[in-house]
Each structure stands twice: as C-alpha cells, then as structure tokens.
C-alpha cells in the first residue's frame, strides 16, 4: 500500500490548507507516478512546452475561456518542425489606407503610391522573418506583383511596393495602389 507523506518547509511561515468542494458525489483525484510539481490554476510558471503533447491544445477545448490556442490542432503529419504565423492582416491600400482585419498589426503607413509599411504591434524576435503577400484583380487592371522595399524591414515593421503588370509587356512597371492586400509574416 502506497503512503502519503506531507513534509513541511522549515523556512516557510504560511499555512497550506487543502479543502474539499461541497459535493454529494464521490470523487477520486489520482496523482501521476512521476516526480514533479502539482500545477494549480494560479500557477504561471510550472508548465513548460515539453509537458504539453503536440495537438493537445485545440480551439474546442479552450473556446469557453476565449483563448487562442498556443499549439496547433494536430492535423499535421510528418516530423518537420511547424512554425506559426507571427502577424497577418488584410488592408485597404487605396484611398484612406486602413487595416480591415488581422493580428499583431498595429497600423499601415502609406509611403506613397503603391508603397506601404506594415507596423507590428509586437516586434518580431529579429529581422529573419519570411512573408507572403497577395493582392486581387481589381477593376480590369492586373495588380501584378509586390516586392519588399530595399532595406524595408526591421523587427518592428515590413515595407513593400505594389506594381502593375503592363498590358503590352513593354517592361514599364508602375507603382499602383490596391484596395485589398493580404500579408502573412512567419518567424521561427
């Protein structure tokens, strides 16, 4: 038969009280056969990443708490590492430039026709991030491509230029505003 031993801490002056809930149902609380700390809802530093199995936190398990999952939902396969999106947004790049949706993007700075700065709410760990940008076909004009501006990044922002593809392939690309641009930033 296993035993329970409570060992007081000689340097502590407080009292630890174990209470039971008001219940009419028998309850069993099982402790794992492992050494370590017992975690409570008031604890903020005991649980570390390697204690949580991959795919163990999903949206449906924490929806009532209105918390975004910290891990992916487990639909992935293979052993390659998985990296999450650090910032994303959809913004209107024509007229009054504004963010219409996203996360970790505080604002868009209009740097001139077809030129934008995406400002991060929380800075990236470094400038070694990857990005994906998309635009839409707009009013009979093909918004051709977006490039990163020369020296247009820091841990706090990302700058880009939007160009039209010329109809006659004469190579005269020109900067153009677009009313719907999507940006995704990924950092290890």
C-alpha atoms as a PDB file:
ATOM      1  CA  UNK A   1       0.000   0.000   0.000  1.00  0.00           C
ATOM      2  CA  UNK A   2       1.417   3.396  -1.007  1.00  0.00           C
ATOM      3  CA  UNK A   3       1.550   6.117   1.612  1.00  0.00           C
ATOM      4  CA  UNK A   4       1.083   9.878   1.580  1.00  0.00           C
ATOM      5  CA  UNK A   5       3.642  11.979   3.428  1.00  0.00           C
ATOM      6  CA  UNK A   6       3.245  15.714   3.946  1.00  0.00           C
ATOM      7  CA  UNK A   7       6.591  17.383   4.607  1.00  0.00           C
ATOM      8  CA  UNK A   8       6.557  20.947   5.960  1.00  0.00           C
ATOM      9  CA  UNK A   9       9.049  23.534   4.736  1.00  0.00           C
ATOM     10  CA  UNK A  10      11.202  24.718   7.645  1.00  0.00           C
ATOM     11  CA  UNK A  11      11.732  28.196   6.184  1.00  0.00           C
ATOM     12  CA  UNK A  12       8.046  28.880   5.427  1.00  0.00           C
ATOM     13  CA  UNK A  13       5.748  30.769   7.785  1.00  0.00           C
ATOM     14  CA  UNK A  14       2.431  30.328   5.960  1.00  0.00           C
ATOM     15  CA  UNK A  15      -0.156  27.578   6.230  1.00  0.00           C
ATOM     16  CA  UNK A  16      -1.222  25.420   3.265  1.00  0.00           C
ATOM     17  CA  UNK A  17      -4.859  24.404   3.503  1.00  0.00           C
ATOM     18  CA  UNK A  18      -6.387  21.595   1.441  1.00  0.00           C
ATOM     19  CA  UNK A  19     -10.145  21.994   1.062  1.00  0.00           C
ATOM     20  CA  UNK A  20     -12.816  19.794  -0.455  1.00  0.00           C
ATOM     21  CA  UNK A  21     -15.760  21.046  -2.516  1.00  0.00           C
ATOM     22  CA  UNK A  22     -19.377  20.833  -1.397  1.00  0.00           C
ATOM     23  CA  UNK A  23     -20.363  17.708  -3.330  1.00  0.00           C
ATOM     24  CA  UNK A  24     -22.710  14.764  -2.983  1.00  0.00           C
ATOM     25  CA  UNK A  25     -20.657  12.664  -5.395  1.00  0.00           C
ATOM     26  CA  UNK A  26     -17.593  10.581  -4.591  1.00  0.00           C
ATOM     27  CA  UNK A  27     -14.527  11.946  -6.365  1.00  0.00           C
ATOM     28  CA  UNK A  28     -11.125  10.370  -6.962  1.00  0.00           C
ATOM     29  CA  UNK A  29      -8.083  12.518  -7.617  1.00  0.00           C
ATOM     30  CA  UNK A  30      -5.184  10.484  -8.978  1.00  0.00           C
ATOM     31  CA  UNK A  31      -1.617  11.708  -8.811  1.00  0.00           C
ATOM     32  CA  UNK A  32       0.692  10.541 -11.595  1.00  0.00           C
ATOM     33  CA  UNK A  33       3.511   8.134 -10.829  1.00  0.00           C
ATOM     34  CA  UNK A  34       6.112  10.815 -11.542  1.00  0.00           C
ATOM     35  CA  UNK A  35       8.114  13.334  -9.579  1.00  0.00           C
ATOM     36  CA  UNK A  36       7.362  16.996 -10.226  1.00  0.00           C
ATOM     37  CA  UNK A  37       5.195  19.909  -9.232  1.00  0.00           C
ATOM     38  CA  UNK A  38       1.422  19.901  -8.884  1.00  0.00           C
ATOM     39  CA  UNK A  39       0.003  22.705 -11.026  1.00  0.00           C
ATOM     40  CA  UNK A  40      -2.878  24.907  -9.914  1.00  0.00           C
ATOM     41  CA  UNK A  41      -4.954  27.480 -11.775  1.00  0.00           C
ATOM     42  CA  UNK A  42      -2.985  30.230 -10.024  1.00  0.00           C
ATOM     43  CA  UNK A  43       0.346  28.885 -11.300  1.00  0.00           C
ATOM     44  CA  UNK A  44       2.023  30.709 -14.160  1.00  0.00           C
ATOM     45  CA  UNK A  45       5.474  29.170 -14.384  1.00  0.00           C
ATOM     46  CA  UNK A  46       5.401  25.418 -13.777  1.00  0.00           C
ATOM     47  CA  UNK A  47       4.074  24.109 -17.089  1.00  0.00           C
ATOM     48  CA  UNK A  48       6.637  24.219 -19.885  1.00  0.00           C
ATOM     49  CA  UNK A  49       6.247  23.428 -23.587  1.00  0.00           C
ATOM     50  CA  UNK A  50       7.632  19.893 -23.475  1.00  0.00           C
ATOM     51  CA  UNK A  51       4.987  18.961 -20.861  1.00  0.00           C
ATOM     52  CA  UNK A  52       2.191  19.510 -23.400  1.00  0.00           C
ATOM     53  CA  UNK A  53       1.798  16.835 -26.040  1.00  0.00           C
ATOM     54  CA  UNK A  54       1.592  18.051 -29.626  1.00  0.00           C
ATOM     55  CA  UNK A  55      -2.023  18.569 -30.699  1.00  0.00           C
ATOM     56  CA  UNK A  56      -3.232  18.544 -27.082  1.00  0.00           C
ATOM     57  CA  UNK A  57      -4.481  22.127 -27.094  1.00  0.00           C
ATOM     58  CA  UNK A  58      -7.228  22.743 -29.599  1.00  0.00           C
ATOM     59  CA  UNK A  59      -9.730  25.530 -30.070  1.00  0.00           C
ATOM     60  CA  UNK A  60     -12.706  23.484 -28.875  1.00  0.00           C
ATOM     61  CA  UNK A  61     -11.004  22.697 -25.534  1.00  0.00           C
ATOM     62  CA  UNK A  62     -10.447  26.339 -24.649  1.00  0.00           C
ATOM     63  CA  UNK A  63     -13.236  28.141 -26.501  1.00  0.00           C
ATOM     64  CA  UNK A  64     -15.088  28.907 -23.276  1.00  0.00           C
ATOM     65  CA  UNK A  65     -12.055  30.813 -21.988  1.00  0.00           C
ATOM     66  CA  UNK A  66     -11.756  32.900 -25.204  1.00  0.00           C
ATOM     67  CA  UNK A  67      -8.081  31.989 -25.509  1.00  0.00           C
ATOM     68  CA  UNK A  68      -6.239  31.436 -28.781  1.00  0.00           C
ATOM     69  CA  UNK A  69      -4.557  28.008 -28.828  1.00  0.00           C
ATOM     70  CA  UNK A  70      -0.807  28.091 -28.258  1.00  0.00           C
ATOM     71  CA  UNK A  71      -0.249  24.851 -30.171  1.00  0.00           C
ATOM     72  CA  UNK A  72      -1.562  23.581 -33.473  1.00  0.00           C
ATOM     73  CA  UNK A  73      -4.565  21.281 -33.605  1.00  0.00           C
ATOM     74  CA  UNK A  74      -2.797  18.059 -34.581  1.00  0.00           C
ATOM     75  CA  UNK A  75      -3.925  17.771 -38.192  1.00  0.00           C
ATOM     76  CA  UNK A  76      -0.292  17.857 -39.295  1.00  0.00           C
ATOM     77  CA  UNK A  77       1.742  14.824 -40.263  1.00  0.00           C
ATOM     78  CA  UNK A  78       5.448  14.146 -40.530  1.00  0.00           C
ATOM     79  CA  UNK A  79       8.319  15.181 -38.316  1.00  0.00           C
ATOM     80  CA  UNK A  80       9.304  18.524 -39.869  1.00  0.00           C
ATOM     81  CA  UNK A  81       9.046  21.487 -37.469  1.00  0.00           C
ATOM     82  CA  UNK A  82       5.912  23.625 -37.542  1.00  0.00           C
ATOM     83  CA  UNK A  83       6.051  27.409 -37.325  1.00  0.00           C
ATOM     84  CA  UNK A  84       3.145  29.703 -36.619  1.00  0.00           C
ATOM     85  CA  UNK A  85       2.142  32.986 -38.170  1.00  0.00           C
ATOM     86  CA  UNK A  86       3.516  35.915 -36.120  1.00  0.00           C
ATOM     87  CA  UNK A  87       1.492  38.641 -37.876  1.00  0.00           C
ATOM     88  CA  UNK A  88      -1.172  38.831 -40.567  1.00  0.00           C
ATOM     89  CA  UNK A  89      -3.521  41.408 -41.958  1.00  0.00           C
ATOM     90  CA  UNK A  90      -5.841  42.384 -44.737  1.00  0.00           C
ATOM     91  CA  UNK A  91      -5.696  46.071 -45.558  1.00  0.00           C
ATOM     92  CA  UNK A  92      -7.095  48.638 -47.918  1.00  0.00           C
ATOM     93  CA  UNK A  93      -4.180  50.142 -49.842  1.00  0.00           C
ATOM     94  CA  UNK A  94      -6.214  52.593 -51.904  1.00  0.00           C
ATOM     95  CA  UNK A  95      -7.606  55.917 -50.714  1.00  0.00           C
ATOM     96  CA  UNK A  96      -7.624  56.018 -46.911  1.00  0.00           C
ATOM     97  CA  UNK A  97      -5.198  53.197 -46.069  1.00  0.00           C
ATOM     98  CA  UNK A  98      -6.508  51.084 -43.196  1.00  0.00           C
ATOM     99  CA  UNK A  99      -6.328  47.609 -41.665  1.00  0.00           C
ATOM    100  CA  UNK A 100      -9.570  45.684 -42.206  1.00  0.00           C
ATOM    101  CA  UNK A 101      -8.596  42.557 -40.273  1.00  0.00           C
ATOM    102  CA  UNK A 102      -5.700  40.599 -38.860  1.00  0.00           C
ATOM    103  CA  UNK A 103      -3.489  40.164 -35.836  1.00  0.00           C
ATOM    104  CA  UNK A 104      -0.297  41.714 -34.439  1.00  0.00           C
ATOM    105  CA  UNK A 105      -0.507  44.575 -36.935  1.00  0.00           C
ATOM    106  CA  UNK A 106      -0.994  47.980 -35.306  1.00  0.00           C
ATOM    107  CA  UNK A 107      -1.289  50.049 -38.484  1.00  0.00           C
ATOM    108  CA  UNK A 108      -0.350  50.502 -42.129  1.00  0.00           C
ATOM    109  CA  UNK A 109       1.727  53.539 -43.093  1.00  0.00           C
ATOM    110  CA  UNK A 110       1.093  54.928 -46.597  1.00  0.00           C
ATOM    111  CA  UNK A 111       4.548  55.699 -48.034  1.00  0.00           C
ATOM    112  CA  UNK A 112       3.239  56.902 -51.423  1.00  0.00           C
ATOM    113  CA  UNK A 113       1.534  55.281 -54.409  1.00  0.00           C
ATOM    114  CA  UNK A 114       1.860  51.508 -54.087  1.00  0.00           C
ATOM    115  CA  UNK A 115       4.255  51.785 -51.131  1.00  0.00           C
ATOM    116  CA  UNK A 116       3.280  50.596 -47.653  1.00  0.00           C
ATOM    117  CA  UNK A 117       4.758  49.877 -44.241  1.00  0.00           C
ATOM    118  CA  UNK A 118       3.137  47.149 -42.133  1.00  0.00           C
ATOM    119  CA  UNK A 119       3.756  48.060 -38.462  1.00  0.00           C
ATOM    120  CA  UNK A 120       3.774  45.196 -35.949  1.00  0.00           C
ATOM    121  CA  UNK A 121       2.058  45.575 -32.584  1.00  0.00           C
ATOM    122  CA  UNK A 122       4.688  43.321 -31.002  1.00  0.00           C
ATOM    123  CA  UNK A 123       8.086  43.263 -32.708  1.00  0.00           C
ATOM    124  CA  UNK A 124       9.465  40.098 -34.296  1.00  0.00           C
ATOM    125  CA  UNK A 125      12.376  38.395 -32.491  1.00  0.00           C
ATOM    126  CA  UNK A 126      14.665  39.526 -35.346  1.00  0.00           C
ATOM    127  CA  UNK A 127      14.557  40.626 -38.984  1.00  0.00           C
ATOM    128  CA  UNK A 128      14.913  36.998 -40.138  1.00  0.00           C
ATOM    129  CA  UNK A 129      11.216  36.549 -40.936  1.00  0.00           C
ATOM    130  CA  UNK A 130       9.521  35.328 -44.089  1.00  0.00           C
ATOM    131  CA  UNK A 131       6.476  36.894 -45.678  1.00  0.00           C
ATOM    132  CA  UNK A 132       3.737  36.168 -48.174  1.00  0.00           C
ATOM    133  CA  UNK A 133       1.689  38.931 -49.772  1.00  0.00           C
ATOM    134  CA  UNK A 134      -1.308  38.771 -52.076  1.00  0.00           C
ATOM    135  CA  UNK A 135      -3.488  41.243 -53.932  1.00  0.00           C
ATOM    136  CA  UNK A 136      -6.570  40.893 -56.049  1.00  0.00           C
ATOM    137  CA  UNK A 137      -7.520  41.593 -59.639  1.00  0.00           C
ATOM    138  CA  UNK A 138      -9.132  44.991 -59.486  1.00  0.00           C
ATOM    139  CA  UNK A 139     -11.364  46.844 -61.934  1.00  0.00           C
ATOM    140  CA  UNK A 140      -9.942  45.400 -65.144  1.00  0.00           C
ATOM    141  CA  UNK A 141      -6.365  46.114 -64.070  1.00  0.00           C
ATOM    142  CA  UNK A 142      -3.988  43.338 -63.113  1.00  0.00           C
ATOM    143  CA  UNK A 143      -2.130  44.218 -59.949  1.00  0.00           C
ATOM    144  CA  UNK A 144       0.960  42.314 -60.914  1.00  0.00           C
ATOM    145  CA  UNK A 145       3.342  41.840 -58.062  1.00  0.00           C
ATOM    146  CA  UNK A 146       4.605  43.038 -54.723  1.00  0.00           C
ATOM    147  CA  UNK A 147       8.246  43.251 -53.727  1.00  0.00           C
ATOM    148  CA  UNK A 148       9.958  44.086 -50.484  1.00  0.00           C
ATOM    149  CA  UNK A 149      11.440  47.556 -50.454  1.00  0.00           C
ATOM    150  CA  UNK A 150      15.213  47.760 -50.361  1.00  0.00           C
ATOM    151  CA  UNK A 151      16.231  47.808 -46.667  1.00  0.00           C
ATOM    152  CA  UNK A 152      12.493  47.806 -45.911  1.00  0.00           C
ATOM    153  CA  UNK A 153      12.336  45.724 -42.779  1.00  0.00           C
ATOM    154  CA  UNK A 154      13.091  45.853 -39.105  1.00  0.00           C
ATOM    155  CA  UNK A 155      11.841  43.751 -36.215  1.00  0.00           C
ATOM    156  CA  UNK A 156       9.026  46.322 -35.884  1.00  0.00           C
ATOM    157  CA  UNK A 157       7.841  46.674 -39.496  1.00  0.00           C
ATOM    158  CA  UNK A 158       7.897  45.404 -43.081  1.00  0.00           C
ATOM    159  CA  UNK A 159       7.839  47.662 -46.176  1.00  0.00           C
ATOM    160  CA  UNK A 160       6.630  46.692 -49.645  1.00  0.00           C
ATOM    161  CA  UNK A 161       5.929  48.070 -53.107  1.00  0.00           C
ATOM    162  CA  UNK A 162       2.894  47.149 -55.258  1.00  0.00           C
ATOM    163  CA  UNK A 163       3.289  47.207 -59.067  1.00  0.00           C
ATOM    164  CA  UNK A 164       1.039  46.806 -62.103  1.00  0.00           C
ATOM    165  CA  UNK A 165       1.882  44.446 -64.932  1.00  0.00           C
ATOM    166  CA  UNK A 166       1.765  46.426 -68.186  1.00  0.00           C
ATOM    167  CA  UNK A 167      -0.764  45.230 -70.769  1.00  0.00           C
ATOM    168  CA  UNK A 168       1.741  45.248 -73.622  1.00  0.00           C
ATOM    169  CA  UNK A 169       4.703  43.714 -71.773  1.00  0.00           C
ATOM    170  CA  UNK A 170       6.820  46.763 -72.515  1.00  0.00           C
ATOM    171  CA  UNK A 171       8.537  46.467 -69.141  1.00  0.00           C
ATOM    172  CA  UNK A 172       7.224  49.790 -67.854  1.00  0.00           C
ATOM    173  CA  UNK A 173       6.045  48.644 -64.473  1.00  0.00           C
ATOM    174  CA  UNK A 174       4.492  51.362 -62.351  1.00  0.00           C
ATOM    175  CA  UNK A 175       3.559  51.531 -58.660  1.00  0.00           C
ATOM    176  CA  UNK A 176      -0.182  51.234 -58.054  1.00  0.00           C
ATOM    177  CA  UNK A 177      -2.475  51.283 -55.039  1.00  0.00           C
ATOM    178  CA  UNK A 178      -4.749  48.301 -54.470  1.00  0.00           C
ATOM    179  CA  UNK A 179      -7.828  48.186 -52.267  1.00  0.00           C
ATOM    180  CA  UNK A 180      -7.196  44.691 -50.900  1.00  0.00           C
ATOM    181  CA  UNK A 181      -3.765  43.411 -49.867  1.00  0.00           C
ATOM    182  CA  UNK A 182      -3.119  40.443 -47.591  1.00  0.00           C
ATOM    183  CA  UNK A 183       0.123  39.947 -45.644  1.00  0.00           C
ATOM    184  CA  UNK A 184       1.373  36.974 -43.612  1.00  0.00           C
ATOM    185  CA  UNK A 185       4.605  37.096 -41.562  1.00  0.00           C
ATOM    186  CA  UNK A 186       6.219  33.863 -40.312  1.00  0.00           C
ATOM    187  CA  UNK A 187       9.187  33.769 -37.931  1.00  0.00           C
ATOM    188  CA  UNK A 188      10.869  30.757 -36.357  1.00  0.00           C
END
